[in-house]
């Protein structure tokens, strides 16, 4: 079984890489983490809710994307049936992940190359190239960005300051 874990959505964002600039992460990530640690438990609970919501929305959007490509050839194993949400507590921080564990998810996400079979009954038969769609990655990046904006606004609303 192929399992692909892509979305590292995190509230109280300790487990996310502390990078800045053009990588898509905002500059004040360590500040956000530190300020969320110091805030009241009600604020931390609201941050947990933001993470859980972002994880659920990512999974729902991915299921809809996979459902839209269902054909008679893959009706036996639906891509959307393999989408799972995992929300866990890691060192006091809530982390949400979306996992696409369907057997054909890798082919859908990364595509295939054109190739020719050489077996006895398939000699010379060609298969077409399937384009890479990167659906999970695109959705996860979009939802993670929205989640980080919500977390920054939460910190600012409660008296914190965040650069970027």
N, C-alpha and C. Protein backbone atom coordinates (compact mmCIF):
# COMPACT_ATOMS: atom_id res chain seq x y z
N UNK A 1 0.85 -1.17 0.00
CA UNK A 1 0.00 0.00 0.00
C UNK A 1 0.90 1.23 0.00
N UNK A 2 0.57 2.14 -0.89
CA UNK A 2 1.30 3.40 -0.96
C UNK A 2 0.67 4.39 -0.01
N UNK A 3 1.47 4.99 0.84
CA UNK A 3 0.94 6.00 1.75
C UNK A 3 1.72 7.27 1.53
N UNK A 4 1.01 8.34 1.33
CA UNK A 4 1.66 9.61 1.05
C UNK A 4 1.16 10.63 2.07
N UNK A 5 2.04 11.13 2.89
CA UNK A 5 1.71 12.15 3.87
C UNK A 5 2.23 13.46 3.35
N UNK A 6 1.32 14.42 3.16
CA UNK A 6 1.75 15.67 2.56
C UNK A 6 1.49 16.87 3.44
N UNK A 7 0.31 17.00 3.99
CA UNK A 7 -0.02 18.25 4.65
C UNK A 7 0.41 18.24 6.09
N UNK A 8 1.40 19.04 6.45
CA UNK A 8 1.89 19.16 7.82
C UNK A 8 1.26 20.35 8.49
N UNK A 9 -0.06 20.43 8.50
CA UNK A 9 -0.74 21.57 9.10
C UNK A 9 -0.55 21.53 10.61
N UNK A 10 -0.12 22.64 11.18
CA UNK A 10 0.16 22.65 12.61
C UNK A 10 -0.32 23.94 13.25
N UNK A 11 -0.95 23.79 14.38
CA UNK A 11 -1.23 24.97 15.20
C UNK A 11 -0.14 24.94 16.22
N UNK A 12 0.05 25.94 16.94
CA UNK A 12 1.12 25.94 17.92
C UNK A 12 2.36 25.39 17.24
N UNK A 13 2.65 25.83 16.12
CA UNK A 13 3.43 25.36 15.00
C UNK A 13 4.86 24.92 15.26
N UNK A 14 5.13 24.26 16.32
CA UNK A 14 6.50 23.89 16.68
C UNK A 14 7.14 22.97 15.64
N UNK A 15 6.40 22.06 15.06
CA UNK A 15 7.00 21.06 14.20
C UNK A 15 7.28 21.55 12.78
N UNK A 16 6.88 22.78 12.45
CA UNK A 16 7.10 23.27 11.10
C UNK A 16 8.50 23.84 10.98
N UNK A 17 9.10 23.76 9.78
CA UNK A 17 10.45 24.30 9.60
C UNK A 17 10.47 25.80 9.81
N UNK A 18 11.52 26.29 10.42
CA UNK A 18 11.62 27.72 10.71
C UNK A 18 12.41 28.39 9.60
N UNK A 19 11.76 28.56 8.46
CA UNK A 19 12.39 29.22 7.32
C UNK A 19 11.61 30.47 6.99
N UNK A 20 12.19 31.31 6.20
CA UNK A 20 11.50 32.54 5.83
C UNK A 20 11.77 32.88 4.39
N UNK A 21 11.35 34.06 4.00
CA UNK A 21 11.62 34.54 2.66
C UNK A 21 10.75 33.87 1.63
N UNK A 22 11.36 33.43 0.52
CA UNK A 22 10.63 32.93 -0.61
C UNK A 22 10.11 31.52 -0.47
N UNK A 23 10.29 30.88 0.66
CA UNK A 23 9.88 29.49 0.80
C UNK A 23 8.40 29.34 1.08
N UNK A 24 7.67 30.44 1.19
CA UNK A 24 6.24 30.35 1.47
C UNK A 24 5.92 30.49 2.94
N UNK A 25 6.92 30.46 3.81
CA UNK A 25 6.69 30.60 5.24
C UNK A 25 6.89 32.07 5.60
N UNK A 26 6.17 32.54 6.58
CA UNK A 26 6.35 33.94 6.96
C UNK A 26 7.53 34.06 7.91
N UNK A 27 8.04 35.27 8.03
CA UNK A 27 9.28 35.52 8.76
C UNK A 27 9.15 35.24 10.24
N UNK A 28 8.01 35.55 10.86
CA UNK A 28 7.88 35.46 12.30
C UNK A 28 7.37 34.15 12.82
N UNK A 29 7.72 33.04 12.22
CA UNK A 29 7.19 31.75 12.64
C UNK A 29 7.60 31.40 14.07
N UNK A 30 8.85 31.64 14.42
CA UNK A 30 9.27 31.32 15.79
C UNK A 30 8.57 32.24 16.78
N UNK A 31 8.32 33.50 16.37
CA UNK A 31 7.58 34.41 17.23
C UNK A 31 6.16 33.92 17.45
N UNK A 32 5.54 33.43 16.38
CA UNK A 32 4.18 32.90 16.49
C UNK A 32 4.14 31.74 17.46
N UNK A 33 5.09 30.83 17.33
CA UNK A 33 5.15 29.68 18.21
C UNK A 33 5.32 30.11 19.67
N UNK A 34 6.26 31.00 19.92
CA UNK A 34 6.51 31.46 21.29
C UNK A 34 5.30 32.17 21.87
N UNK A 35 4.66 33.02 21.07
CA UNK A 35 3.52 33.77 21.58
C UNK A 35 2.31 32.88 21.84
N UNK A 36 2.11 31.87 20.99
CA UNK A 36 1.01 30.94 21.24
C UNK A 36 1.24 30.16 22.53
N UNK A 37 2.49 29.82 22.83
CA UNK A 37 2.80 29.11 24.07
C UNK A 37 2.41 29.92 25.30
N UNK A 38 2.64 31.25 25.22
CA UNK A 38 2.40 32.12 26.36
C UNK A 38 0.95 32.57 26.51
N UNK A 39 0.13 32.35 25.52
CA UNK A 39 -1.25 32.85 25.58
C UNK A 39 -2.12 31.93 26.42
N UNK A 40 -3.28 32.45 26.77
CA UNK A 40 -4.22 31.71 27.62
C UNK A 40 -4.68 30.44 26.93
N UNK A 41 -5.15 29.51 27.72
CA UNK A 41 -5.57 28.22 27.17
C UNK A 41 -6.75 28.37 26.21
N UNK A 42 -7.60 29.40 26.40
CA UNK A 42 -8.71 29.63 25.48
C UNK A 42 -8.19 29.95 24.08
N UNK A 43 -7.12 30.75 24.03
CA UNK A 43 -6.52 31.11 22.74
C UNK A 43 -5.87 29.88 22.12
N UNK A 44 -5.20 29.08 22.94
CA UNK A 44 -4.58 27.86 22.43
C UNK A 44 -5.64 26.89 21.92
N UNK A 45 -6.79 26.82 22.61
CA UNK A 45 -7.89 25.97 22.14
C UNK A 45 -8.42 26.47 20.80
N UNK A 46 -8.50 27.79 20.64
CA UNK A 46 -8.96 28.35 19.37
C UNK A 46 -7.95 28.03 18.26
N UNK A 47 -6.65 28.07 18.59
CA UNK A 47 -5.62 27.71 17.61
C UNK A 47 -5.75 26.24 17.23
N UNK A 48 -6.04 25.38 18.21
CA UNK A 48 -6.26 23.96 17.91
C UNK A 48 -7.43 23.79 16.95
N UNK A 49 -8.49 24.54 17.19
CA UNK A 49 -9.67 24.48 16.32
C UNK A 49 -9.32 24.93 14.90
N UNK A 50 -8.49 25.95 14.77
CA UNK A 50 -8.08 26.42 13.44
C UNK A 50 -7.32 25.32 12.70
N UNK A 51 -6.45 24.61 13.41
CA UNK A 51 -5.69 23.52 12.79
C UNK A 51 -6.60 22.37 12.38
N UNK A 52 -7.50 21.98 13.28
CA UNK A 52 -8.42 20.88 12.95
C UNK A 52 -9.28 21.25 11.76
N UNK A 53 -9.76 22.49 11.71
CA UNK A 53 -10.59 22.94 10.61
C UNK A 53 -9.80 22.92 9.29
N UNK A 54 -8.56 23.39 9.32
CA UNK A 54 -7.73 23.39 8.12
C UNK A 54 -7.47 21.97 7.63
N UNK A 55 -7.25 21.06 8.55
CA UNK A 55 -7.03 19.65 8.18
C UNK A 55 -8.28 19.06 7.54
N UNK A 56 -9.43 19.31 8.14
CA UNK A 56 -10.69 18.80 7.59
C UNK A 56 -10.98 19.39 6.22
N UNK A 57 -10.74 20.68 6.05
CA UNK A 57 -11.00 21.33 4.76
C UNK A 57 -10.06 20.80 3.68
N UNK A 58 -8.81 20.54 4.04
CA UNK A 58 -7.86 19.97 3.08
C UNK A 58 -8.33 18.59 2.63
N UNK A 59 -8.75 17.77 3.57
CA UNK A 59 -9.22 16.42 3.24
C UNK A 59 -10.48 16.47 2.39
N UNK A 60 -11.42 17.36 2.73
CA UNK A 60 -12.66 17.47 1.94
C UNK A 60 -12.38 17.91 0.51
N UNK A 61 -11.50 18.90 0.37
CA UNK A 61 -11.17 19.40 -0.96
C UNK A 61 -10.46 18.33 -1.79
N UNK A 62 -9.59 17.56 -1.15
CA UNK A 62 -8.89 16.48 -1.86
C UNK A 62 -9.86 15.39 -2.28
N UNK A 63 -10.79 15.02 -1.39
CA UNK A 63 -11.79 14.01 -1.76
C UNK A 63 -12.61 14.48 -2.96
N UNK A 64 -12.99 15.75 -2.98
CA UNK A 64 -13.76 16.29 -4.10
C UNK A 64 -12.94 16.23 -5.40
N UNK A 65 -11.66 16.55 -5.31
CA UNK A 65 -10.77 16.49 -6.47
C UNK A 65 -10.67 15.06 -6.99
N UNK A 66 -10.47 14.11 -6.09
CA UNK A 66 -10.37 12.71 -6.48
C UNK A 66 -11.70 12.20 -7.04
N UNK A 67 -12.82 12.60 -6.44
CA UNK A 67 -14.13 12.15 -6.88
C UNK A 67 -14.41 12.61 -8.31
N UNK A 68 -13.91 13.78 -8.67
CA UNK A 68 -14.16 14.34 -10.00
C UNK A 68 -13.50 13.53 -11.11
N UNK A 69 -12.51 12.72 -10.81
CA UNK A 69 -11.81 11.95 -11.84
C UNK A 69 -12.20 10.48 -11.84
N UNK A 70 -13.22 10.11 -11.11
CA UNK A 70 -13.62 8.70 -11.04
C UNK A 70 -14.06 8.23 -12.42
N UNK A 71 -13.54 7.11 -12.85
CA UNK A 71 -13.93 6.51 -14.13
C UNK A 71 -14.28 5.05 -13.88
N UNK A 72 -14.79 4.41 -14.91
CA UNK A 72 -15.15 2.99 -14.75
C UNK A 72 -13.92 2.14 -14.46
N UNK A 73 -12.73 2.59 -14.88
CA UNK A 73 -11.53 1.80 -14.66
C UNK A 73 -11.10 1.78 -13.20
N UNK A 74 -11.36 2.84 -12.45
CA UNK A 74 -10.92 2.83 -11.06
C UNK A 74 -12.09 2.83 -10.09
N UNK A 75 -13.25 2.37 -10.54
CA UNK A 75 -14.41 2.31 -9.66
C UNK A 75 -14.22 1.30 -8.53
N UNK A 76 -13.35 0.33 -8.70
CA UNK A 76 -13.12 -0.67 -7.66
C UNK A 76 -12.39 -0.04 -6.47
N UNK A 77 -11.41 0.76 -6.74
CA UNK A 77 -10.67 1.44 -5.67
C UNK A 77 -10.78 2.94 -5.88
N UNK A 78 -11.69 3.56 -5.21
CA UNK A 78 -11.87 4.99 -5.34
C UNK A 78 -10.72 5.71 -4.64
N UNK A 79 -10.17 6.69 -5.31
CA UNK A 79 -9.08 7.46 -4.71
C UNK A 79 -9.52 8.15 -3.43
N UNK A 80 -10.75 8.67 -3.42
CA UNK A 80 -11.19 9.43 -2.23
C UNK A 80 -11.38 8.56 -1.00
N UNK A 81 -11.55 7.26 -1.19
CA UNK A 81 -11.70 6.36 -0.03
C UNK A 81 -10.40 6.24 0.78
N UNK A 82 -9.27 6.53 0.15
CA UNK A 82 -7.98 6.42 0.83
C UNK A 82 -7.55 7.68 1.56
N UNK A 83 -8.35 8.75 1.48
CA UNK A 83 -7.98 10.01 2.13
C UNK A 83 -8.35 9.95 3.60
N UNK A 84 -7.36 10.21 4.46
CA UNK A 84 -7.59 10.20 5.91
C UNK A 84 -7.04 11.47 6.54
N UNK A 85 -7.66 11.86 7.63
CA UNK A 85 -7.20 13.00 8.41
C UNK A 85 -6.63 12.46 9.71
N UNK A 86 -5.49 12.95 10.11
CA UNK A 86 -4.88 12.56 11.37
C UNK A 86 -4.58 13.84 12.15
N UNK A 87 -5.22 14.02 13.28
CA UNK A 87 -4.94 15.15 14.16
C UNK A 87 -4.38 14.58 15.44
N UNK A 88 -3.19 15.05 15.83
CA UNK A 88 -2.53 14.48 16.99
C UNK A 88 -1.85 15.57 17.81
N UNK A 89 -1.57 15.24 19.04
CA UNK A 89 -0.87 16.15 19.94
C UNK A 89 0.59 15.71 19.96
N UNK A 90 1.49 16.60 19.55
CA UNK A 90 2.91 16.30 19.51
C UNK A 90 3.62 17.33 20.38
N UNK A 91 4.12 16.90 21.51
CA UNK A 91 4.83 17.79 22.44
C UNK A 91 4.01 19.02 22.82
N UNK A 92 2.73 18.83 23.03
CA UNK A 92 1.87 19.94 23.42
C UNK A 92 1.38 20.80 22.28
N UNK A 93 1.69 20.42 21.06
CA UNK A 93 1.26 21.16 19.88
C UNK A 93 0.34 20.28 19.06
N UNK A 94 -0.72 20.87 18.54
CA UNK A 94 -1.64 20.12 17.69
C UNK A 94 -1.09 20.07 16.29
N UNK A 95 -1.06 18.88 15.71
CA UNK A 95 -0.60 18.71 14.35
C UNK A 95 -1.65 17.94 13.57
N UNK A 96 -1.99 18.45 12.40
CA UNK A 96 -2.94 17.76 11.54
C UNK A 96 -2.25 17.35 10.25
N UNK A 97 -2.56 16.15 9.79
CA UNK A 97 -2.00 15.65 8.54
C UNK A 97 -3.12 15.08 7.70
N UNK A 98 -2.97 15.20 6.40
CA UNK A 98 -3.89 14.55 5.47
C UNK A 98 -3.08 13.50 4.73
N UNK A 99 -3.57 12.27 4.75
CA UNK A 99 -2.86 11.15 4.14
C UNK A 99 -3.70 10.60 3.01
N UNK A 100 -3.08 10.40 1.87
CA UNK A 100 -3.75 9.78 0.73
C UNK A 100 -3.15 8.39 0.57
N UNK A 101 -3.87 7.37 1.04
CA UNK A 101 -3.33 6.01 1.08
C UNK A 101 -3.95 5.09 0.04
N UNK A 102 -4.65 5.64 -0.92
CA UNK A 102 -5.24 4.82 -1.97
C UNK A 102 -4.13 4.20 -2.82
N UNK A 103 -4.32 2.97 -3.30
CA UNK A 103 -3.27 2.31 -4.07
C UNK A 103 -2.84 3.07 -5.33
N UNK A 104 -3.75 3.83 -5.93
CA UNK A 104 -3.43 4.53 -7.17
C UNK A 104 -3.14 6.02 -6.97
N UNK A 105 -3.10 6.48 -5.74
CA UNK A 105 -2.91 7.90 -5.48
C UNK A 105 -1.58 8.41 -6.04
N UNK A 106 -0.53 7.62 -5.92
CA UNK A 106 0.78 8.05 -6.43
C UNK A 106 0.73 8.27 -7.94
N UNK A 107 0.05 7.39 -8.66
CA UNK A 107 -0.06 7.54 -10.11
C UNK A 107 -0.83 8.81 -10.47
N UNK A 108 -1.89 9.10 -9.73
CA UNK A 108 -2.66 10.30 -9.98
C UNK A 108 -1.86 11.56 -9.66
N UNK A 109 -1.16 11.55 -8.54
CA UNK A 109 -0.42 12.73 -8.11
C UNK A 109 0.80 13.00 -9.00
N UNK A 110 1.57 11.96 -9.33
CA UNK A 110 2.84 12.15 -10.03
C UNK A 110 2.81 11.78 -11.51
N UNK A 111 1.72 11.18 -11.97
CA UNK A 111 1.61 10.83 -13.38
C UNK A 111 2.43 9.62 -13.76
N UNK A 112 2.41 9.31 -15.06
CA UNK A 112 3.18 8.18 -15.59
C UNK A 112 3.85 8.62 -16.88
N UNK A 113 4.82 7.86 -17.31
CA UNK A 113 5.53 8.12 -18.56
C UNK A 113 5.00 7.18 -19.64
N UNK A 114 5.16 7.55 -20.89
CA UNK A 114 4.81 6.68 -22.01
C UNK A 114 5.80 5.52 -22.02
N UNK A 115 5.30 4.31 -22.25
CA UNK A 115 6.19 3.16 -22.32
C UNK A 115 5.60 2.11 -23.25
N UNK A 116 6.44 1.22 -23.74
CA UNK A 116 6.02 0.14 -24.63
C UNK A 116 6.23 -1.20 -23.91
N UNK A 117 5.21 -2.04 -23.97
CA UNK A 117 5.30 -3.36 -23.38
C UNK A 117 6.05 -4.29 -24.31
N UNK A 118 6.75 -5.26 -23.74
CA UNK A 118 7.50 -6.22 -24.55
C UNK A 118 7.08 -7.65 -24.27
N UNK A 119 6.06 -7.84 -23.44
CA UNK A 119 5.61 -9.19 -23.12
C UNK A 119 5.05 -9.89 -24.35
N UNK A 120 4.86 -11.22 -24.28
CA UNK A 120 4.47 -12.01 -25.45
C UNK A 120 3.14 -11.55 -26.07
N UNK A 121 2.14 -11.28 -25.30
CA UNK A 121 0.85 -10.92 -25.90
C UNK A 121 0.68 -9.41 -26.04
N UNK A 122 1.59 -8.63 -25.48
CA UNK A 122 1.48 -7.17 -25.55
C UNK A 122 2.56 -6.54 -26.42
N UNK A 123 3.28 -7.33 -27.19
CA UNK A 123 4.44 -6.82 -27.91
C UNK A 123 4.10 -5.56 -28.68
N UNK A 124 4.82 -4.50 -28.36
CA UNK A 124 4.66 -3.24 -29.07
C UNK A 124 3.51 -2.38 -28.60
N UNK A 125 2.68 -2.89 -27.71
CA UNK A 125 1.55 -2.10 -27.24
C UNK A 125 2.07 -0.93 -26.41
N UNK A 126 1.61 0.26 -26.70
CA UNK A 126 2.06 1.44 -25.97
C UNK A 126 1.01 1.93 -24.99
N UNK A 127 1.47 2.54 -23.96
CA UNK A 127 0.55 3.19 -23.02
C UNK A 127 0.82 4.68 -23.05
N UNK A 128 -0.22 5.44 -22.90
CA UNK A 128 -0.08 6.89 -22.95
C UNK A 128 0.50 7.44 -21.66
N UNK A 129 0.92 8.68 -21.76
CA UNK A 129 1.48 9.37 -20.60
C UNK A 129 0.33 10.01 -19.83
N UNK A 130 0.30 9.79 -18.52
CA UNK A 130 -0.69 10.45 -17.66
C UNK A 130 -0.01 11.65 -17.01
N UNK A 131 -0.64 12.81 -17.07
CA UNK A 131 0.01 14.00 -16.51
C UNK A 131 0.03 13.97 -14.98
N UNK A 132 1.04 14.58 -14.41
CA UNK A 132 1.11 14.74 -12.95
C UNK A 132 0.14 15.85 -12.56
N UNK A 133 -0.61 15.62 -11.49
CA UNK A 133 -1.61 16.62 -11.08
C UNK A 133 -1.24 17.33 -9.78
N UNK A 134 -0.48 16.70 -8.93
CA UNK A 134 -0.05 17.28 -7.65
C UNK A 134 -1.23 17.90 -6.88
N UNK A 135 -2.37 17.25 -6.90
CA UNK A 135 -3.57 17.78 -6.26
C UNK A 135 -3.39 17.97 -4.76
N UNK A 136 -2.88 16.96 -4.10
CA UNK A 136 -2.72 17.03 -2.65
C UNK A 136 -1.75 18.15 -2.26
N UNK A 137 -0.67 18.26 -2.99
CA UNK A 137 0.32 19.29 -2.68
C UNK A 137 -0.27 20.69 -2.87
N UNK A 138 -0.96 20.91 -3.98
CA UNK A 138 -1.55 22.23 -4.25
C UNK A 138 -2.58 22.60 -3.19
N UNK A 139 -3.43 21.67 -2.85
CA UNK A 139 -4.48 21.92 -1.85
C UNK A 139 -3.85 22.17 -0.49
N UNK A 140 -2.86 21.36 -0.12
CA UNK A 140 -2.21 21.50 1.19
C UNK A 140 -1.51 22.85 1.32
N UNK A 141 -0.84 23.29 0.27
CA UNK A 141 -0.15 24.58 0.33
C UNK A 141 -1.16 25.71 0.51
N UNK A 142 -2.25 25.65 -0.24
CA UNK A 142 -3.27 26.70 -0.15
C UNK A 142 -3.90 26.74 1.24
N UNK A 143 -4.29 25.57 1.77
CA UNK A 143 -4.93 25.51 3.08
C UNK A 143 -3.97 25.85 4.21
N UNK A 144 -2.71 25.45 4.07
CA UNK A 144 -1.73 25.76 5.12
C UNK A 144 -1.49 27.27 5.18
N UNK A 145 -1.41 27.90 4.03
CA UNK A 145 -1.24 29.35 4.00
C UNK A 145 -2.40 30.07 4.67
N UNK A 146 -3.62 29.63 4.36
CA UNK A 146 -4.81 30.23 4.99
C UNK A 146 -4.80 29.99 6.50
N UNK A 147 -4.38 28.79 6.92
CA UNK A 147 -4.33 28.47 8.34
C UNK A 147 -3.31 29.36 9.06
N UNK A 148 -2.14 29.54 8.47
CA UNK A 148 -1.13 30.39 9.09
C UNK A 148 -1.61 31.83 9.20
N UNK A 149 -2.34 32.32 8.20
CA UNK A 149 -2.91 33.67 8.27
C UNK A 149 -3.89 33.78 9.43
N UNK A 150 -4.73 32.75 9.60
CA UNK A 150 -5.68 32.74 10.71
C UNK A 150 -4.95 32.73 12.06
N UNK A 151 -3.88 31.94 12.16
CA UNK A 151 -3.13 31.88 13.41
C UNK A 151 -2.45 33.22 13.72
N UNK A 152 -1.90 33.85 12.69
CA UNK A 152 -1.28 35.17 12.89
C UNK A 152 -2.32 36.18 13.36
N UNK A 153 -3.49 36.16 12.74
CA UNK A 153 -4.56 37.09 13.14
C UNK A 153 -5.02 36.82 14.57
N UNK A 154 -5.06 35.55 14.96
CA UNK A 154 -5.43 35.19 16.32
C UNK A 154 -4.44 35.77 17.33
N UNK A 155 -3.15 35.64 17.03
CA UNK A 155 -2.12 36.17 17.93
C UNK A 155 -2.22 37.68 18.00
N UNK A 156 -2.38 38.33 16.85
CA UNK A 156 -2.49 39.80 16.84
C UNK A 156 -3.72 40.27 17.60
N UNK A 157 -4.83 39.56 17.43
CA UNK A 157 -6.08 39.92 18.11
C UNK A 157 -5.93 39.84 19.62
N UNK A 158 -5.05 38.97 20.08
CA UNK A 158 -4.86 38.78 21.52
C UNK A 158 -3.60 39.48 22.04
N UNK A 159 -3.15 40.51 21.31
CA UNK A 159 -2.09 41.36 21.82
C UNK A 159 -0.68 41.00 21.38
N UNK A 160 -0.53 39.99 20.56
CA UNK A 160 0.81 39.61 20.11
C UNK A 160 1.22 40.38 18.86
N UNK A 161 2.48 40.33 18.53
CA UNK A 161 2.97 40.94 17.29
C UNK A 161 3.74 39.91 16.49
N UNK A 162 3.50 39.90 15.19
CA UNK A 162 4.14 38.95 14.29
C UNK A 162 4.70 39.74 13.11
N UNK A 163 5.97 39.49 12.78
CA UNK A 163 6.53 40.09 11.58
C UNK A 163 6.13 39.22 10.39
N UNK A 164 5.82 39.85 9.26
CA UNK A 164 5.53 39.11 8.03
C UNK A 164 4.10 38.73 7.86
